[in-house]
Amino acid sequence: MHRLRELLRKASGKWGLSLFLVAASAFAQGNEPAAVDPGSAGSAFDTARLLLRHLAAGNIEAAARLSNAPQQRYEVLRDYRAKVGEEEFKRVFDRYFHPQNRLVAEYALGVHRLLIWDLGEEAHYLAGQYYVEIDDGKFLMDDVPSEERSKLRQVLDSYRKNGKKWGQTPLNPSGRMD
């Protein structure tokens, strides 16, 4: 939105077609991640819970089908399960359902989503999951690199580094939010 305002300011009061072109340019080029209410329309939260249920049950085939690169996701999950063992694999994904672990934010950038989980039992480690909307309201895990996913990765990095939401500034010069 800031970019759109800046472009409109630069248009120096010219209206009509100029205003339309400036707005269209800002919309096409200046997309920024925006917060989404988890569980609302346009949220990937329901797909994330389903995916995590499959993983907590050890069902890597069903989990892989929830990816936009299912064969690649299956191989990654199969290799990880072989490395850590069946029980540890299930434990790792079951922890997302523990009360001290919670979804703290969801961000959207076009059809792409980032879900950020605070894994409180793991010293408040922030874990990110990426999803992409394939149909109206239907999401898959996003396993295909893209510019949008890279931008969403910056949001996750900001959360991890600064302990703050995307686009917020710290409340004091130290960078702490207290």
C-alpha atoms as a PDB file:
ATOM      1  CA  MET A   1       0.000   0.000   0.000  1.00  0.00           C
ATOM      2  CA  HIS A   2       2.904   2.343   0.779  1.00  0.00           C
ATOM      3  CA  ARG A   3       4.296   1.773  -2.707  1.00  0.00           C
ATOM      4  CA  LEU A   4       0.932   2.602  -4.262  1.00  0.00           C
ATOM      5  CA  ARG A   5       0.715   5.863  -2.302  1.00  0.00           C
ATOM      6  CA  GLU A   6       4.252   6.774  -3.338  1.00  0.00           C
ATOM      7  CA  LEU A   7       3.509   6.137  -6.999  1.00  0.00           C
ATOM      8  CA  LEU A   8       0.301   8.149  -6.760  1.00  0.00           C
ATOM      9  CA  ARG A   9       2.226  11.023  -5.167  1.00  0.00           C
ATOM     10  CA  LYS A  10       4.724  10.924  -8.023  1.00  0.00           C
ATOM     11  CA  ALA A  11       1.872  11.137 -10.522  1.00  0.00           C
ATOM     12  CA  SER A  12       1.619  14.820  -9.420  1.00  0.00           C
ATOM     13  CA  GLY A  13      -2.129  15.061  -9.558  1.00  0.00           C
ATOM     14  CA  LYS A  14      -2.552  13.628 -13.061  1.00  0.00           C
ATOM     15  CA  TRP A  15      -5.738  11.614 -13.126  1.00  0.00           C
ATOM     16  CA  GLY A  16      -7.548   9.380 -15.545  1.00  0.00           C
ATOM     17  CA  LEU A  17      -5.425   6.902 -17.446  1.00  0.00           C
ATOM     18  CA  SER A  18      -2.254   7.991 -15.625  1.00  0.00           C
ATOM     19  CA  LEU A  19      -3.784   7.171 -12.243  1.00  0.00           C
ATOM     20  CA  PHE A  20      -4.996   3.820 -13.492  1.00  0.00           C
ATOM     21  CA  LEU A  21      -1.573   2.912 -14.903  1.00  0.00           C
ATOM     22  CA  VAL A  22       0.223   3.943 -11.728  1.00  0.00           C
ATOM     23  CA  ALA A  23      -2.158   1.907  -9.572  1.00  0.00           C
ATOM     24  CA  ALA A  24      -1.892  -1.118 -11.869  1.00  0.00           C
ATOM     25  CA  SER A  25       1.895  -0.894 -11.807  1.00  0.00           C
ATOM     26  CA  ALA A  26       1.982  -0.736  -8.020  1.00  0.00           C
ATOM     27  CA  PHE A  27      -0.362  -3.681  -7.743  1.00  0.00           C
ATOM     28  CA  ALA A  28       1.618  -5.799 -10.211  1.00  0.00           C
ATOM     29  CA  GLN A  29       5.113  -4.982  -8.926  1.00  0.00           C
ATOM     30  CA  GLY A  30       4.776  -3.917  -5.317  1.00  0.00           C
ATOM     31  CA  ASN A  31       2.980  -6.787  -3.654  1.00  0.00           C
ATOM     32  CA  GLU A  32       3.922  -7.082  -0.024  1.00  0.00           C
ATOM     33  CA  PRO A  33       3.044  -9.901   2.337  1.00  0.00           C
ATOM     34  CA  ALA A  34      -0.182  -9.241   4.227  1.00  0.00           C
ATOM     35  CA  ALA A  35      -1.413 -10.830   7.448  1.00  0.00           C
ATOM     36  CA  VAL A  36      -4.265 -13.320   7.149  1.00  0.00           C
ATOM     37  CA  ASP A  37      -6.517 -14.422   9.988  1.00  0.00           C
ATOM     38  CA  PRO A  38      -5.736 -18.152  10.374  1.00  0.00           C
ATOM     39  CA  GLY A  39      -8.816 -20.227   9.733  1.00  0.00           C
ATOM     40  CA  SER A  40     -10.594 -17.482   7.784  1.00  0.00           C
ATOM     41  CA  ALA A  41     -11.474 -17.629   4.106  1.00  0.00           C
ATOM     42  CA  GLY A  42      -8.193 -17.512   2.187  1.00  0.00           C
ATOM     43  CA  SER A  43      -6.255 -19.221   4.973  1.00  0.00           C
ATOM     44  CA  ALA A  44      -4.128 -22.338   4.517  1.00  0.00           C
ATOM     45  CA  PHE A  45      -4.551 -23.320   8.181  1.00  0.00           C
ATOM     46  CA  ASP A  46      -7.004 -26.193   7.553  1.00  0.00           C
ATOM     47  CA  THR A  47      -4.649 -27.748   4.992  1.00  0.00           C
ATOM     48  CA  ALA A  48      -1.742 -27.360   7.418  1.00  0.00           C
ATOM     49  CA  ARG A  49      -3.637 -29.185  10.166  1.00  0.00           C
ATOM     50  CA  LEU A  50      -4.574 -31.996   7.774  1.00  0.00           C
ATOM     51  CA  LEU A  51      -0.979 -32.299   6.576  1.00  0.00           C
ATOM     52  CA  LEU A  52       0.317 -32.388  10.166  1.00  0.00           C
ATOM     53  CA  ARG A  53      -2.255 -35.056  11.117  1.00  0.00           C
ATOM     54  CA  HIS A  54      -1.009 -37.260   8.276  1.00  0.00           C
ATOM     55  CA  LEU A  55       2.603 -36.702   9.322  1.00  0.00           C
ATOM     56  CA  ALA A  56       1.904 -37.323  13.029  1.00  0.00           C
ATOM     57  CA  ALA A  57       0.305 -40.628  11.988  1.00  0.00           C
ATOM     58  CA  GLY A  58       3.343 -41.479   9.852  1.00  0.00           C
ATOM     59  CA  ASN A  59       1.315 -41.443   6.630  1.00  0.00           C
ATOM     60  CA  ILE A  60       3.873 -39.875   4.290  1.00  0.00           C
ATOM     61  CA  GLU A  61       1.961 -40.922   1.172  1.00  0.00           C
ATOM     62  CA  ALA A  62      -1.117 -38.891   2.159  1.00  0.00           C
ATOM     63  CA  ALA A  63       1.066 -35.977   3.277  1.00  0.00           C
ATOM     64  CA  ALA A  64       2.967 -35.972  -0.023  1.00  0.00           C
ATOM     65  CA  ARG A  65      -0.306 -35.765  -1.958  1.00  0.00           C
ATOM     66  CA  LEU A  66      -0.855 -32.389  -0.249  1.00  0.00           C
ATOM     67  CA  SER A  67       2.214 -30.958  -2.016  1.00  0.00           C
ATOM     68  CA  ASN A  68       2.566 -29.210  -5.366  1.00  0.00           C
ATOM     69  CA  ALA A  69       5.620 -31.459  -5.904  1.00  0.00           C
ATOM     70  CA  PRO A  70       4.334 -34.744  -4.433  1.00  0.00           C
ATOM     71  CA  GLN A  71       7.121 -37.076  -5.565  1.00  0.00           C
ATOM     72  CA  GLN A  72       9.824 -34.755  -4.266  1.00  0.00           C
ATOM     73  CA  ARG A  73       7.975 -34.273  -0.953  1.00  0.00           C
ATOM     74  CA  TYR A  74       7.482 -38.036  -0.583  1.00  0.00           C
ATOM     75  CA  GLU A  75      11.201 -38.653  -1.052  1.00  0.00           C
ATOM     76  CA  VAL A  76      12.162 -35.966   1.486  1.00  0.00           C
ATOM     77  CA  LEU A  77       9.724 -37.355   4.056  1.00  0.00           C
ATOM     78  CA  ARG A  78      10.767 -40.967   3.386  1.00  0.00           C
ATOM     79  CA  ASP A  79      14.444 -40.089   3.813  1.00  0.00           C
ATOM     80  CA  TYR A  80      13.789 -38.118   7.002  1.00  0.00           C
ATOM     81  CA  ARG A  81      11.740 -40.965   8.488  1.00  0.00           C
ATOM     82  CA  ALA A  82      14.488 -43.446   7.615  1.00  0.00           C
ATOM     83  CA  LYS A  83      17.054 -41.193   9.310  1.00  0.00           C
ATOM     84  CA  VAL A  84      15.188 -40.543  12.591  1.00  0.00           C
ATOM     85  CA  GLY A  85      13.010 -43.653  12.855  1.00  0.00           C
ATOM     86  CA  GLU A  86       9.235 -44.106  12.744  1.00  0.00           C
ATOM     87  CA  GLU A  87       8.471 -43.094  16.345  1.00  0.00           C
ATOM     88  CA  GLU A  88      10.640 -39.965  16.329  1.00  0.00           C
ATOM     89  CA  PHE A  89       9.158 -38.965  12.966  1.00  0.00           C
ATOM     90  CA  LYS A  90       5.648 -39.134  14.406  1.00  0.00           C
ATOM     91  CA  ARG A  91       6.709 -37.297  17.583  1.00  0.00           C
ATOM     92  CA  VAL A  92       8.237 -34.403  15.616  1.00  0.00           C
ATOM     93  CA  PHE A  93       4.985 -33.723  13.788  1.00  0.00           C
ATOM     94  CA  ASP A  94       2.649 -34.571  16.654  1.00  0.00           C
ATOM     95  CA  ARG A  95       4.202 -31.756  18.715  1.00  0.00           C
ATOM     96  CA  TYR A  96       2.409 -29.172  16.561  1.00  0.00           C
ATOM     97  CA  PHE A  97      -0.778 -30.265  18.350  1.00  0.00           C
ATOM     98  CA  HIS A  98       0.622 -29.753  21.873  1.00  0.00           C
ATOM     99  CA  PRO A  99      -0.934 -26.822  23.782  1.00  0.00           C
ATOM    100  CA  GLN A 100       2.389 -24.969  24.207  1.00  0.00           C
ATOM    101  CA  ASN A 101       2.900 -24.989  20.425  1.00  0.00           C
ATOM    102  CA  ARG A 102       0.696 -22.682  18.423  1.00  0.00           C
ATOM    103  CA  LEU A 103       0.223 -20.941  15.124  1.00  0.00           C
ATOM    104  CA  VAL A 104       1.263 -17.310  15.692  1.00  0.00           C
ATOM    105  CA  ALA A 105       0.787 -15.819  12.224  1.00  0.00           C
ATOM    106  CA  GLU A 106      -0.191 -16.390   8.640  1.00  0.00           C
ATOM    107  CA  TYR A 107       0.874 -14.200   5.739  1.00  0.00           C
ATOM    108  CA  ALA A 108      -0.336 -14.083   2.149  1.00  0.00           C
ATOM    109  CA  LEU A 109       1.444 -12.912  -0.960  1.00  0.00           C
ATOM    110  CA  GLY A 110      -0.840 -13.481  -3.921  1.00  0.00           C
ATOM    111  CA  VAL A 111      -1.738 -17.178  -3.866  1.00  0.00           C
ATOM    112  CA  HIS A 112       1.207 -18.042  -1.606  1.00  0.00           C
ATOM    113  CA  ARG A 113       0.939 -18.433   2.173  1.00  0.00           C
ATOM    114  CA  LEU A 114       3.365 -18.646   5.084  1.00  0.00           C
ATOM    115  CA  LEU A 115       2.265 -20.122   8.399  1.00  0.00           C
ATOM    116  CA  ILE A 116       4.516 -19.377  11.385  1.00  0.00           C
ATOM    117  CA  TRP A 117       4.386 -21.735  14.352  1.00  0.00           C
ATOM    118  CA  ASP A 118       5.839 -21.036  17.798  1.00  0.00           C
ATOM    119  CA  LEU A 119       7.102 -24.372  19.045  1.00  0.00           C
ATOM    120  CA  GLY A 120       7.147 -23.360  22.719  1.00  0.00           C
ATOM    121  CA  GLU A 121       8.390 -26.707  23.935  1.00  0.00           C
ATOM    122  CA  GLU A 122      11.485 -26.196  21.772  1.00  0.00           C
ATOM    123  CA  ALA A 123      12.532 -22.869  23.398  1.00  0.00           C
ATOM    124  CA  HIS A 124      10.050 -20.972  21.220  1.00  0.00           C
ATOM    125  CA  TYR A 125      11.593 -22.034  17.917  1.00  0.00           C
ATOM    126  CA  LEU A 126       9.677 -20.436  15.049  1.00  0.00           C
ATOM    127  CA  ALA A 127       8.884 -22.906  12.282  1.00  0.00           C
ATOM    128  CA  GLY A 128       7.550 -21.873   8.884  1.00  0.00           C
ATOM    129  CA  GLN A 129       5.354 -23.753   6.448  1.00  0.00           C
ATOM    130  CA  TYR A 130       4.674 -22.596   2.893  1.00  0.00           C
ATOM    131  CA  TYR A 131       1.458 -23.209   0.977  1.00  0.00           C
ATOM    132  CA  VAL A 132       0.014 -22.204  -2.374  1.00  0.00           C
ATOM    133  CA  GLU A 133      -3.637 -21.820  -3.321  1.00  0.00           C
ATOM    134  CA  ILE A 134      -4.450 -23.975  -6.352  1.00  0.00           C
ATOM    135  CA  ASP A 135      -8.213 -23.479  -6.493  1.00  0.00           C
ATOM    136  CA  ASP A 136     -10.573 -21.156  -4.716  1.00  0.00           C
ATOM    137  CA  GLY A 137      -9.791 -21.967  -1.085  1.00  0.00           C
ATOM    138  CA  LYS A 138      -7.834 -25.187  -1.761  1.00  0.00           C
ATOM    139  CA  PHE A 139      -4.176 -25.219  -0.734  1.00  0.00           C
ATOM    140  CA  LEU A 140      -1.153 -27.446  -1.200  1.00  0.00           C
ATOM    141  CA  MET A 141       2.208 -27.359   0.525  1.00  0.00           C
ATOM    142  CA  ASP A 142       4.420 -25.132  -1.622  1.00  0.00           C
ATOM    143  CA  ASP A 143       7.536 -27.115  -2.530  1.00  0.00           C
ATOM    144  CA  VAL A 144       8.349 -25.156  -5.692  1.00  0.00           C
ATOM    145  CA  PRO A 145      10.780 -22.217  -5.350  1.00  0.00           C
ATOM    146  CA  SER A 146       9.387 -18.841  -6.433  1.00  0.00           C
ATOM    147  CA  GLU A 147       9.939 -15.133  -5.917  1.00  0.00           C
ATOM    148  CA  GLU A 148       6.845 -14.993  -3.696  1.00  0.00           C
ATOM    149  CA  ARG A 149       8.104 -17.813  -1.517  1.00  0.00           C
ATOM    150  CA  SER A 150      11.456 -16.008  -1.179  1.00  0.00           C
ATOM    151  CA  LYS A 151       9.651 -12.869  -0.010  1.00  0.00           C
ATOM    152  CA  LEU A 152       7.674 -14.893   2.500  1.00  0.00           C
ATOM    153  CA  ARG A 153      10.947 -16.404   3.716  1.00  0.00           C
ATOM    154  CA  GLN A 154      12.041 -12.840   4.553  1.00  0.00           C
ATOM    155  CA  VAL A 155       8.957 -12.502   6.756  1.00  0.00           C
ATOM    156  CA  LEU A 156       9.913 -15.674   8.639  1.00  0.00           C
ATOM    157  CA  ASP A 157      13.508 -14.470   8.958  1.00  0.00           C
ATOM    158  CA  SER A 158      12.246 -11.162  10.385  1.00  0.00           C
ATOM    159  CA  TYR A 159      10.174 -13.012  12.994  1.00  0.00           C
ATOM    160  CA  ARG A 160      13.155 -15.148  13.957  1.00  0.00           C
ATOM    161  CA  LYS A 161      15.651 -12.314  14.044  1.00  0.00           C
ATOM    162  CA  ASN A 162      13.620  -9.523  15.589  1.00  0.00           C
ATOM    163  CA  GLY A 163      10.839 -11.258  17.465  1.00  0.00           C
ATOM    164  CA  LYS A 164       8.328  -9.017  15.757  1.00  0.00           C
ATOM    165  CA  LYS A 165       5.681  -9.125  13.116  1.00  0.00           C
ATOM    166  CA  TRP A 166       6.447  -8.257   9.513  1.00  0.00           C
ATOM    167  CA  GLY A 167       6.423  -4.516   8.950  1.00  0.00           C
ATOM    168  CA  GLN A 168       6.471  -3.592  12.655  1.00  0.00           C
ATOM    169  CA  THR A 169       9.200  -1.497  14.186  1.00  0.00           C
ATOM    170  CA  PRO A 170      10.595  -2.259  17.636  1.00  0.00           C
ATOM    171  CA  LEU A 171       9.118  -0.386  20.568  1.00  0.00           C
ATOM    172  CA  ASN A 172      12.547   0.614  21.876  1.00  0.00           C
ATOM    173  CA  PRO A 173      16.010   1.181  20.347  1.00  0.00           C
ATOM    174  CA  SER A 174      17.363  -2.162  21.576  1.00  0.00           C
ATOM    175  CA  GLY A 175      15.034  -3.989  19.203  1.00  0.00           C
ATOM    176  CA  ARG A 176      13.209  -5.720  22.074  1.00  0.00           C
ATOM    177  CA  MET A 177       9.434  -5.625  22.021  1.00  0.00           C
ATOM    178  CA  ASP A 178       9.067  -5.271  25.844  1.00  0.00           C
END
